[in-house]
Amino acid sequence: MDESEKRKTKSVKHKFPSELRFDLISKDWVVIATGRARRPETFKKEKRVKEEIPKKECPFCNIGKDEKPTLVLSNTIVLPNKYPAFTPHAELHKRVEGKFYQTVNAVGFHEVVVTRDHKKSLAQLSTAQVKEVMDAYHQRYLELKKEKFVHYVSIFHNHGKEAGASISHPHSQIITTPLVDTDLRKALANSGKYFIKTGKCIYCEMNIWERRVKKRVVFENEEFQVICPFASKAAFEMIISPKKHMAYFEDITENEKWQLADTFRQALHKLYKALADPSYNFYLHTAPCDARTCSYYHWHWTIVPKTATWAGFEIGTRIEISTIEPERAAEYLRKQ
């Protein structure tokens, strides 16, 4: 091979349009489609669907006497969901249909965590106000985990119509379930295998590596870090993790809640500025409260902006496609 052919081969390799990246936790593959990559600032120009209901018609601004809050703080209130997906019950009934099917009644609790301001999202609140939301999450988690048939407490937030927010007034939701979802079970199993093999937490090891290379770190403070994960399943996806090993969210301290509030506010505000207030979901993954020992796990929050719509390939293969490298996304977010 002569010099011109070598240069051509090197150039072709350098410009290869896409790459598959492996998620070490889920064992899933994602596509980083650099061949149709977009500049970070182009996401900011996309049209956002804004459907705000008037304050006088907002159910969260006009909470009736029949709705008894489970927690009331200065700027945050927690109350049962009027239309719950899971409802409390004294028994867990199982039913089998034929040889193949089984059902269990959806026993659990479904609550909403509402901030009092009708318009301001978490990205626009102060650190103290976000801290109060973290307090609400934490206090309700501690109470709900004591209840019968509560094996997992899911805390999540939908912002914007594209993210599934049916009411524009900012609110989060807490749902307890008598089971552990498939994604978390896979993460628990794979992190458990890594711990048995190495004696170390896989999340801690990856977090240390991310702080060393720095190219995917968006923000960090004394206790927490924000990264765009190596195998991001969505453009501008972010993960908030404790720097020290922590398996159970309920074990968070008062100082750590302040640090988490600061981290959350920074991450969401950067996203708000970088993409002009996009729709997003965020959710907590923590070790279950079903009496099993999962000390090898590492709790974290995942923020997933709605930067793309699943089509046939993603639905059929469960392989997500992202049109921006996590490294470029992190660099852009850091500047906000």
Protein backbone atom coordinates (compact mmCIF):
# COMPACT_ATOMS: atom_id res chain seq x y z
CA MET A 1 0.00 0.00 0.00
CA ASP A 2 1.51 3.35 -1.07
CA GLU A 3 1.36 6.58 0.97
CA SER A 4 -1.70 7.96 -0.86
CA GLU A 5 -3.68 4.77 -0.18
CA LYS A 6 -2.65 4.85 3.51
CA ARG A 7 -3.86 8.45 3.84
CA LYS A 8 -7.14 7.52 2.14
CA THR A 9 -7.68 4.54 4.47
CA LYS A 10 -6.92 6.67 7.53
CA SER A 11 -9.33 9.34 6.33
CA VAL A 12 -12.13 6.81 5.77
CA LYS A 13 -11.66 5.41 9.28
CA HIS A 14 -11.69 8.89 10.79
CA LYS A 15 -14.91 9.85 9.01
CA PHE A 16 -16.83 6.63 9.65
CA PRO A 17 -20.42 7.92 10.00
CA SER A 18 -21.62 6.13 13.15
CA GLU A 19 -20.51 3.97 16.04
CA LEU A 20 -22.15 1.50 18.38
CA ARG A 21 -21.47 2.02 22.08
CA PHE A 22 -21.96 -0.60 24.76
CA ASP A 23 -23.69 0.20 28.06
CA LEU A 24 -21.81 -1.81 30.68
CA ILE A 25 -24.70 -1.67 33.17
CA SER A 26 -27.69 -2.57 31.01
CA LYS A 27 -25.69 -4.59 28.45
CA ASP A 28 -27.54 -2.63 25.74
CA TRP A 29 -26.03 -1.11 22.62
CA VAL A 30 -26.78 2.42 21.40
CA VAL A 31 -25.97 4.13 18.12
CA ILE A 32 -24.11 7.44 18.12
CA ALA A 33 -24.97 8.54 14.58
CA THR A 34 -22.12 10.95 13.90
CA GLY A 35 -22.82 10.66 10.17
CA ARG A 36 -25.96 12.69 10.65
CA ALA A 37 -24.67 14.52 13.69
CA ARG A 38 -26.14 17.88 14.57
CA ARG A 39 -24.45 20.91 16.02
CA PRO A 40 -25.44 21.30 19.68
CA GLU A 41 -27.02 24.73 19.16
CA THR A 42 -29.47 23.40 16.53
CA PHE A 43 -31.42 21.61 19.25
CA LYS A 44 -32.15 25.00 20.79
CA LYS A 45 -34.00 26.13 17.66
CA GLU A 46 -36.55 23.35 17.67
CA LYS A 47 -40.18 24.33 18.20
CA ARG A 48 -41.53 23.52 21.66
CA VAL A 49 -45.13 22.57 22.33
CA LYS A 50 -46.35 24.83 25.12
CA GLU A 51 -49.82 24.21 26.51
CA GLU A 52 -50.36 26.13 29.72
CA ILE A 53 -53.72 26.00 31.43
CA PRO A 54 -54.91 29.21 33.18
CA LYS A 55 -54.10 29.39 36.86
CA LYS A 56 -57.80 29.62 37.78
CA GLU A 57 -58.41 26.27 36.04
CA CYS A 58 -55.30 24.53 37.38
CA PRO A 59 -56.14 21.70 39.80
CA PHE A 60 -52.82 22.16 41.60
CA CYS A 61 -53.54 25.84 42.22
CA ASN A 62 -57.06 25.02 43.48
CA ILE A 63 -56.63 22.04 45.74
CA GLY A 64 -60.01 21.18 47.27
CA LYS A 65 -60.88 20.32 50.83
CA ASP A 66 -61.48 16.69 49.90
CA GLU A 67 -57.81 16.23 49.02
CA LYS A 68 -55.84 15.56 52.18
CA PRO A 69 -52.11 16.24 51.70
CA THR A 70 -49.64 13.68 52.96
CA LEU A 71 -46.97 16.36 53.39
CA VAL A 72 -47.04 20.16 53.45
CA LEU A 73 -43.85 22.25 53.27
CA SER A 74 -43.33 25.97 52.64
CA ASN A 75 -43.40 25.82 48.83
CA THR A 76 -44.12 22.14 48.18
CA ILE A 77 -47.13 19.97 48.84
CA VAL A 78 -47.58 16.21 48.43
CA LEU A 79 -51.02 14.68 47.95
CA PRO A 80 -52.60 11.47 46.64
CA ASN A 81 -53.10 11.33 42.87
CA LYS A 82 -56.78 11.71 41.95
CA TYR A 83 -56.41 9.11 39.22
CA PRO A 84 -53.91 6.61 40.66
CA ALA A 85 -52.22 3.86 38.69
CA PHE A 86 -51.66 1.95 41.95
CA THR A 87 -54.04 1.92 44.93
CA PRO A 88 -53.65 0.72 48.54
CA HIS A 89 -55.14 -2.67 49.41
CA ALA A 90 -54.85 -5.09 52.30
CA GLU A 91 -54.10 -8.11 50.12
CA LEU A 92 -52.05 -8.92 47.04
CA HIS A 93 -54.28 -11.10 44.88
CA LYS A 94 -52.72 -13.24 42.15
CA ARG A 95 -54.69 -14.84 39.33
CA VAL A 96 -53.61 -17.29 36.64
CA GLU A 97 -55.38 -17.56 33.30
CA GLY A 98 -54.75 -20.81 31.50
CA LYS A 99 -51.16 -21.98 31.12
CA PHE A 100 -49.61 -18.69 30.06
CA TYR A 101 -51.04 -15.62 31.78
CA GLN A 102 -51.04 -14.22 35.28
CA THR A 103 -52.20 -11.01 36.92
CA VAL A 104 -51.63 -9.32 40.26
CA ASN A 105 -53.74 -6.45 41.50
CA ALA A 106 -51.81 -3.15 41.28
CA VAL A 107 -51.38 -2.56 45.01
CA GLY A 108 -49.43 0.54 45.98
CA PHE A 109 -49.48 4.28 46.46
CA HIS A 110 -49.52 7.06 43.88
CA GLU A 111 -48.75 10.62 44.98
CA VAL A 112 -47.96 13.94 43.33
CA VAL A 113 -45.29 16.37 44.56
CA VAL A 114 -46.42 19.87 43.62
CA THR A 115 -44.43 23.11 43.83
CA ARG A 116 -46.62 26.12 44.52
CA ASP A 117 -45.45 28.36 41.66
CA HIS A 118 -47.77 27.81 38.69
CA LYS A 119 -45.17 28.47 36.00
CA LYS A 120 -41.62 28.14 37.31
CA SER A 121 -40.06 24.78 36.55
CA LEU A 122 -37.35 23.26 38.75
CA ALA A 123 -34.76 24.77 36.40
CA GLN A 124 -35.97 28.25 37.41
CA LEU A 125 -36.10 27.74 41.17
CA SER A 126 -33.48 28.64 43.75
CA THR A 127 -31.27 26.02 45.35
CA ALA A 128 -33.29 26.34 48.58
CA GLN A 129 -36.54 25.71 46.70
CA VAL A 130 -35.11 22.68 44.91
CA LYS A 131 -33.80 21.45 48.28
CA GLU A 132 -37.36 21.50 49.59
CA VAL A 133 -38.45 19.28 46.69
CA MET A 134 -35.62 16.87 47.60
CA ASP A 135 -36.90 16.98 51.20
CA ALA A 136 -40.37 16.03 49.99
CA TYR A 137 -39.00 13.12 47.93
CA HIS A 138 -36.94 11.92 50.88
CA GLN A 139 -39.62 12.23 53.56
CA ARG A 140 -42.27 10.48 51.49
CA TYR A 141 -39.79 7.74 50.53
CA LEU A 142 -39.06 7.02 54.19
CA GLU A 143 -42.78 6.81 55.01
CA LEU A 144 -43.91 4.83 52.00
CA LYS A 145 -41.19 2.17 52.26
CA LYS A 146 -42.75 1.11 55.58
CA GLU A 147 -46.07 0.24 53.94
CA LYS A 148 -47.20 -3.29 53.14
CA PHE A 149 -46.40 -4.59 49.63
CA VAL A 150 -44.02 -1.70 48.90
CA HIS A 151 -40.96 -3.28 47.33
CA TYR A 152 -39.91 -0.33 45.23
CA VAL A 153 -40.49 3.44 45.35
CA SER A 154 -40.34 5.15 41.97
CA ILE A 155 -39.84 8.92 41.92
CA PHE A 156 -40.05 10.68 38.57
CA HIS A 157 -40.81 14.02 36.93
CA ASN A 158 -42.33 14.78 33.52
CA HIS A 159 -41.69 18.27 32.13
CA GLY A 160 -43.45 19.36 28.95
CA LYS A 161 -46.14 17.79 26.79
CA GLU A 162 -43.68 15.66 24.79
CA ALA A 163 -42.51 14.13 28.07
CA GLY A 164 -46.02 13.14 29.12
CA ALA A 165 -46.91 16.03 31.46
CA SER A 166 -50.71 16.21 31.26
CA ILE A 167 -50.80 19.25 33.56
CA SER A 168 -48.39 22.11 32.87
CA HIS A 169 -48.11 23.14 36.55
CA PRO A 170 -44.72 21.69 37.64
CA HIS A 171 -45.08 18.47 39.62
CA SER A 172 -43.35 15.16 40.23
CA GLN A 173 -44.88 11.79 40.99
CA ILE A 174 -44.16 8.99 43.43
CA ILE A 175 -45.45 5.48 42.75
CA THR A 176 -44.81 2.43 44.90
CA THR A 177 -44.93 -1.07 43.42
CA PRO A 178 -44.92 -4.64 44.76
CA LEU A 179 -42.26 -5.57 42.19
CA VAL A 180 -39.00 -4.29 40.72
CA ASP A 181 -38.97 -3.25 37.06
CA THR A 182 -36.95 -5.05 34.39
CA ASP A 183 -34.40 -2.28 33.79
CA LEU A 184 -33.51 -2.02 37.47
CA ARG A 185 -33.37 -5.81 37.85
CA LYS A 186 -30.83 -5.95 35.02
CA ALA A 187 -28.79 -3.16 36.58
CA LEU A 188 -28.85 -4.87 39.97
CA ALA A 189 -27.83 -8.20 38.47
CA ASN A 190 -24.97 -6.79 36.40
CA SER A 191 -23.60 -4.56 39.15
CA GLY A 192 -23.82 -7.53 41.52
CA LYS A 193 -21.82 -9.72 39.14
CA TYR A 194 -19.16 -7.01 38.80
CA PHE A 195 -18.90 -6.71 42.59
CA ILE A 196 -18.53 -10.48 43.02
CA LYS A 197 -15.80 -10.53 40.36
CA THR A 198 -13.82 -7.46 41.46
CA GLY A 199 -14.97 -6.54 44.96
CA LYS A 200 -15.76 -3.03 43.68
CA CYS A 201 -18.80 -0.97 42.71
CA ILE A 202 -19.02 -0.62 38.94
CA TYR A 203 -20.65 2.82 39.25
CA CYS A 204 -17.89 4.11 41.53
CA GLU A 205 -15.27 2.84 39.10
CA MET A 206 -16.94 4.53 36.14
CA ASN A 207 -17.47 7.77 38.07
CA ILE A 208 -13.77 7.90 38.97
CA TRP A 209 -12.87 7.35 35.32
CA GLU A 210 -15.25 10.11 34.17
CA ARG A 211 -13.71 12.61 36.61
CA ARG A 212 -10.26 11.61 35.38
CA VAL A 213 -10.94 12.05 31.65
CA LYS A 214 -13.37 14.98 32.25
CA LYS A 215 -14.74 15.07 28.68
CA ARG A 216 -18.24 13.93 29.64
CA VAL A 217 -18.51 15.77 32.98
CA VAL A 218 -21.08 18.58 32.93
CA PHE A 219 -20.89 19.71 36.57
CA GLU A 220 -19.60 18.56 39.93
CA ASN A 221 -19.53 19.77 43.51
CA GLU A 222 -18.23 18.25 46.74
CA GLU A 223 -20.68 15.33 46.84
CA PHE A 224 -22.18 14.85 43.36
CA GLN A 225 -21.29 14.80 39.70
CA VAL A 226 -23.25 15.19 36.47
CA ILE A 227 -22.15 13.40 33.32
CA CYS A 228 -23.44 12.72 29.83
CA PRO A 229 -23.08 8.92 29.86
CA PHE A 230 -20.70 7.24 27.41
CA ALA A 231 -23.55 5.22 25.89
CA SER A 232 -26.20 7.95 26.03
CA LYS A 233 -29.59 6.72 24.86
CA ALA A 234 -30.74 10.27 24.08
CA ALA A 235 -28.98 13.47 23.06
CA PHE A 236 -28.04 15.51 26.15
CA GLU A 237 -28.94 12.70 28.56
CA MET A 238 -27.42 13.34 31.99
CA ILE A 239 -26.82 11.21 35.08
CA ILE A 240 -26.50 12.66 38.59
CA SER A 241 -24.54 10.37 40.92
CA PRO A 242 -23.14 10.60 44.45
CA LYS A 243 -19.36 10.63 44.37
CA LYS A 244 -19.13 8.35 47.37
CA HIS A 245 -20.67 4.91 47.33
CA MET A 246 -24.35 5.00 48.32
CA ALA A 247 -26.75 2.16 47.55
CA TYR A 248 -29.92 3.52 49.15
CA PHE A 249 -31.37 6.95 48.41
CA GLU A 250 -33.14 6.99 51.78
CA ASP A 251 -29.74 7.16 53.53
CA ILE A 252 -28.99 10.64 52.19
CA THR A 253 -27.93 13.21 54.81
CA GLU A 254 -29.05 16.81 55.22
CA ASN A 255 -25.81 18.18 53.79
CA GLU A 256 -26.01 15.76 50.89
CA LYS A 257 -29.55 16.94 50.12
CA TRP A 258 -28.26 20.51 49.86
CA GLN A 259 -25.49 19.33 47.56
CA LEU A 260 -27.98 17.32 45.49
CA ALA A 261 -30.28 20.34 45.21
CA ASP A 262 -27.38 22.45 43.96
CA THR A 263 -26.46 19.74 41.44
CA PHE A 264 -30.03 19.32 40.22
CA ARG A 265 -30.52 23.07 39.82
CA GLN A 266 -27.27 23.38 37.88
CA ALA A 267 -28.04 20.45 35.57
CA LEU A 268 -31.62 21.48 34.81
CA HIS A 269 -30.74 25.16 34.39
CA LYS A 270 -27.97 24.29 31.94
CA LEU A 271 -30.44 22.15 29.99
CA TYR A 272 -33.02 24.95 30.11
CA LYS A 273 -30.53 27.43 28.60
CA ALA A 274 -28.85 25.04 26.18
CA LEU A 275 -32.02 23.72 24.56
CA ALA A 276 -34.48 26.57 25.24
CA ASP A 277 -36.54 24.77 27.89
CA PRO A 278 -36.98 21.31 26.31
CA SER A 279 -39.37 18.65 27.51
CA TYR A 280 -37.64 16.04 29.65
CA ASN A 281 -38.15 13.22 32.13
CA PHE A 282 -36.03 12.48 35.14
CA TYR A 283 -36.23 9.49 37.44
CA LEU A 284 -34.50 7.90 40.41
CA HIS A 285 -32.91 4.46 40.39
CA THR A 286 -32.06 3.21 43.87
CA ALA A 287 -31.69 -0.15 45.60
CA PRO A 288 -35.13 -1.66 46.34
CA CYS A 289 -36.72 -1.58 49.77
CA ASP A 290 -37.85 -5.22 49.60
CA ALA A 291 -35.51 -6.48 52.34
CA ARG A 292 -32.87 -7.84 49.95
CA THR A 293 -29.28 -6.65 50.42
CA CYS A 294 -28.06 -4.58 47.48
CA SER A 295 -25.10 -2.78 49.03
CA TYR A 296 -23.18 -3.16 45.75
CA TYR A 297 -25.65 -0.89 43.90
CA HIS A 298 -25.18 2.90 43.49
CA TRP A 299 -28.24 5.13 43.37
CA HIS A 300 -28.51 7.90 40.78
CA TRP A 301 -30.88 10.17 38.89
CA THR A 302 -31.22 10.08 35.10
CA ILE A 303 -32.38 13.13 33.11
CA VAL A 304 -33.63 12.32 29.60
CA PRO A 305 -34.50 15.28 27.32
CA LYS A 306 -37.04 14.65 24.55
CA THR A 307 -34.67 15.38 21.68
CA ALA A 308 -35.92 12.65 19.33
CA THR A 309 -38.92 10.43 18.60
CA TRP A 310 -38.66 6.67 18.51
CA ALA A 311 -39.34 5.23 15.04
CA GLY A 312 -39.51 1.71 13.64
CA PHE A 313 -35.85 0.84 14.18
CA GLU A 314 -35.78 1.92 17.82
CA ILE A 315 -39.12 0.26 18.61
CA GLY A 316 -38.27 -2.95 16.77
CA THR A 317 -34.71 -3.39 18.05
CA ARG A 318 -34.73 -1.45 21.34
CA ILE A 319 -31.52 0.19 20.12
CA GLU A 320 -31.66 3.95 20.57
CA ILE A 321 -30.05 6.37 18.12
CA SER A 322 -28.49 9.63 19.30
CA THR A 323 -27.42 12.30 16.82
CA ILE A 324 -24.80 13.99 18.98
CA GLU A 325 -21.78 12.54 20.77
CA PRO A 326 -22.06 12.68 24.58
CA GLU A 327 -18.67 14.43 24.63
CA ARG A 328 -19.96 17.31 22.47
CA ALA A 329 -23.20 17.48 24.44
CA ALA A 330 -21.29 17.72 27.74
CA GLU A 331 -18.98 20.40 26.38
CA TYR A 332 -21.97 22.47 25.23
CA LEU A 333 -23.80 22.07 28.54
CA ARG A 334 -20.73 23.02 30.57
CA LYS A 335 -20.66 26.41 28.86
CA GLN A 336 -24.23 27.31 29.86
